[in-house]
Structures are given as C-alpha cells and as structure tokens.
C-alpha cells in the first residue's frame, strides 16, 4: 500500500499546473474503471436476457436443432 504522507508530500512539490494534470489523470482512471465495470455488467445482463428469451426457440425450433444429432461426431476439415 502506498503511504499517503509520501503521496501528499510529492503532490505539494508539484506546480499548480502539474497538480491539475495529475487530477485530470486520476479522474480519467476513475471514470475508465467505473465505465468498464458498469459496461461489463450491462453487457452481461443484456446477454442473459437475450439468452433467456431465445432459449425456447433453441430447444424446440427444428431449424435450430437440426444439427444436434451430429454433436457426437468428430469434425474433419
């Protein structure tokens, strides 16, 4: 863990312009982290809903299940 006292001392030694750049960078990292986690959660939820909505079709629609008879056969190119 980084020592807060050391970080604050180094921060105080920076010019105001450098402090502003550092703050901008920290805010960007925070935003990127948040949107990454949120985006992933939304994507997972959307895919789960779509999969649930299509489950009945994949279990009963002959056009979608016609190849299940081949599931046990080896595939050769």
C-alpha atoms as a PDB file:
ATOM      1  CA  UNK A   1       0.000   0.000   0.000  1.00  0.00           C
ATOM      2  CA  UNK A   2       1.278   3.461  -0.868  1.00  0.00           C
ATOM      3  CA  UNK A   3       1.961   5.727   2.092  1.00  0.00           C
ATOM      4  CA  UNK A   4      -0.498   8.657   1.965  1.00  0.00           C
ATOM      5  CA  UNK A   5       2.007  11.005   3.620  1.00  0.00           C
ATOM      6  CA  UNK A   6       4.582  10.380   0.877  1.00  0.00           C
ATOM      7  CA  UNK A   7       1.994  10.932  -1.856  1.00  0.00           C
ATOM      8  CA  UNK A   8       0.804  14.198  -0.274  1.00  0.00           C
ATOM      9  CA  UNK A   9       4.382  15.458   0.125  1.00  0.00           C
ATOM     10  CA  UNK A  10       5.135  14.752  -3.524  1.00  0.00           C
ATOM     11  CA  UNK A  11       1.848  16.357  -4.559  1.00  0.00           C
ATOM     12  CA  UNK A  12       2.700  19.548  -2.663  1.00  0.00           C
ATOM     13  CA  UNK A  13       6.034  19.742  -4.506  1.00  0.00           C
ATOM     14  CA  UNK A  14       4.299  19.881  -7.887  1.00  0.00           C
ATOM     15  CA  UNK A  15       3.344  23.114  -9.567  1.00  0.00           C
ATOM     16  CA  UNK A  16      -0.336  24.011  -9.754  1.00  0.00           C
ATOM     17  CA  UNK A  17      -0.336  23.098 -13.453  1.00  0.00           C
ATOM     18  CA  UNK A  18       1.188  19.688 -12.697  1.00  0.00           C
ATOM     19  CA  UNK A  19      -1.326  19.122  -9.885  1.00  0.00           C
ATOM     20  CA  UNK A  20      -4.150  19.879 -12.328  1.00  0.00           C
ATOM     21  CA  UNK A  21      -2.733  17.384 -14.856  1.00  0.00           C
ATOM     22  CA  UNK A  22      -2.428  14.769 -12.129  1.00  0.00           C
ATOM     23  CA  UNK A  23      -6.003  15.369 -11.003  1.00  0.00           C
ATOM     24  CA  UNK A  24      -7.227  15.072 -14.592  1.00  0.00           C
ATOM     25  CA  UNK A  25      -5.351  11.778 -14.942  1.00  0.00           C
ATOM     26  CA  UNK A  26      -6.803  10.425 -11.702  1.00  0.00           C
ATOM     27  CA  UNK A  27     -10.324  11.401 -12.719  1.00  0.00           C
ATOM     28  CA  UNK A  28      -9.815   9.719 -16.101  1.00  0.00           C
ATOM     29  CA  UNK A  29      -8.627   6.500 -14.446  1.00  0.00           C
ATOM     30  CA  UNK A  30     -11.577   6.596 -12.063  1.00  0.00           C
ATOM     31  CA  UNK A  31     -14.022   7.155 -14.949  1.00  0.00           C
ATOM     32  CA  UNK A  32     -12.418   4.421 -17.056  1.00  0.00           C
ATOM     33  CA  UNK A  33     -12.609   1.946 -14.180  1.00  0.00           C
ATOM     34  CA  UNK A  34     -16.239   2.791 -13.438  1.00  0.00           C
ATOM     35  CA  UNK A  35     -17.426   2.637 -17.047  1.00  0.00           C
ATOM     36  CA  UNK A  36     -15.533  -0.592 -17.628  1.00  0.00           C
ATOM     37  CA  UNK A  37     -17.253  -2.314 -14.695  1.00  0.00           C
ATOM     38  CA  UNK A  38     -20.647  -0.780 -15.460  1.00  0.00           C
ATOM     39  CA  UNK A  39     -20.400  -1.555 -19.158  1.00  0.00           C
ATOM     40  CA  UNK A  40     -19.452  -5.149 -18.464  1.00  0.00           C
ATOM     41  CA  UNK A  41     -22.345  -5.557 -16.032  1.00  0.00           C
ATOM     42  CA  UNK A  42     -24.819  -4.097 -18.523  1.00  0.00           C
ATOM     43  CA  UNK A  43     -23.480  -6.322 -21.306  1.00  0.00           C
ATOM     44  CA  UNK A  44     -23.730  -9.434 -19.142  1.00  0.00           C
ATOM     45  CA  UNK A  45     -27.305  -8.582 -18.117  1.00  0.00           C
ATOM     46  CA  UNK A  46     -28.301  -7.878 -21.729  1.00  0.00           C
ATOM     47  CA  UNK A  47     -26.819 -11.159 -22.936  1.00  0.00           C
ATOM     48  CA  UNK A  48     -28.529 -13.079 -20.131  1.00  0.00           C
ATOM     49  CA  UNK A  49     -31.918 -11.583 -21.016  1.00  0.00           C
ATOM     50  CA  UNK A  50     -31.389 -12.331 -24.723  1.00  0.00           C
ATOM     51  CA  UNK A  51     -30.317 -15.908 -23.999  1.00  0.00           C
ATOM     52  CA  UNK A  52     -33.360 -16.477 -21.790  1.00  0.00           C
ATOM     53  CA  UNK A  53     -35.681 -15.024 -24.453  1.00  0.00           C
ATOM     54  CA  UNK A  54     -34.236 -17.330 -27.141  1.00  0.00           C
ATOM     55  CA  UNK A  55     -33.971 -20.476 -25.024  1.00  0.00           C
ATOM     56  CA  UNK A  56     -37.366 -21.873 -26.044  1.00  0.00           C
ATOM     57  CA  UNK A  57     -36.514 -21.420 -29.731  1.00  0.00           C
ATOM     58  CA  UNK A  58     -33.194 -23.206 -29.373  1.00  0.00           C
ATOM     59  CA  UNK A  59     -34.838 -26.081 -27.541  1.00  0.00           C
ATOM     60  CA  UNK A  60     -37.745 -26.630 -29.948  1.00  0.00           C
ATOM     61  CA  UNK A  61     -37.195 -24.941 -33.343  1.00  0.00           C
ATOM     62  CA  UNK A  62     -36.218 -27.696 -35.790  1.00  0.00           C
ATOM     63  CA  UNK A  63     -34.158 -25.315 -37.908  1.00  0.00           C
ATOM     64  CA  UNK A  64     -32.021 -24.506 -34.881  1.00  0.00           C
ATOM     65  CA  UNK A  65     -31.760 -28.050 -33.507  1.00  0.00           C
ATOM     66  CA  UNK A  66     -31.260 -29.994 -36.764  1.00  0.00           C
ATOM     67  CA  UNK A  67     -27.504 -30.337 -36.218  1.00  0.00           C
ATOM     68  CA  UNK A  68     -27.704 -31.570 -32.632  1.00  0.00           C
ATOM     69  CA  UNK A  69     -27.792 -35.108 -33.987  1.00  0.00           C
ATOM     70  CA  UNK A  70     -24.195 -34.532 -35.136  1.00  0.00           C
ATOM     71  CA  UNK A  71     -22.941 -33.350 -31.754  1.00  0.00           C
ATOM     72  CA  UNK A  72     -21.194 -36.628 -31.006  1.00  0.00           C
ATOM     73  CA  UNK A  73     -19.450 -36.947 -34.390  1.00  0.00           C
ATOM     74  CA  UNK A  74     -15.885 -35.833 -34.998  1.00  0.00           C
ATOM     75  CA  UNK A  75     -15.420 -32.857 -37.286  1.00  0.00           C
ATOM     76  CA  UNK A  76     -12.928 -33.279 -40.139  1.00  0.00           C
ATOM     77  CA  UNK A  77     -11.744 -30.492 -42.437  1.00  0.00           C
END
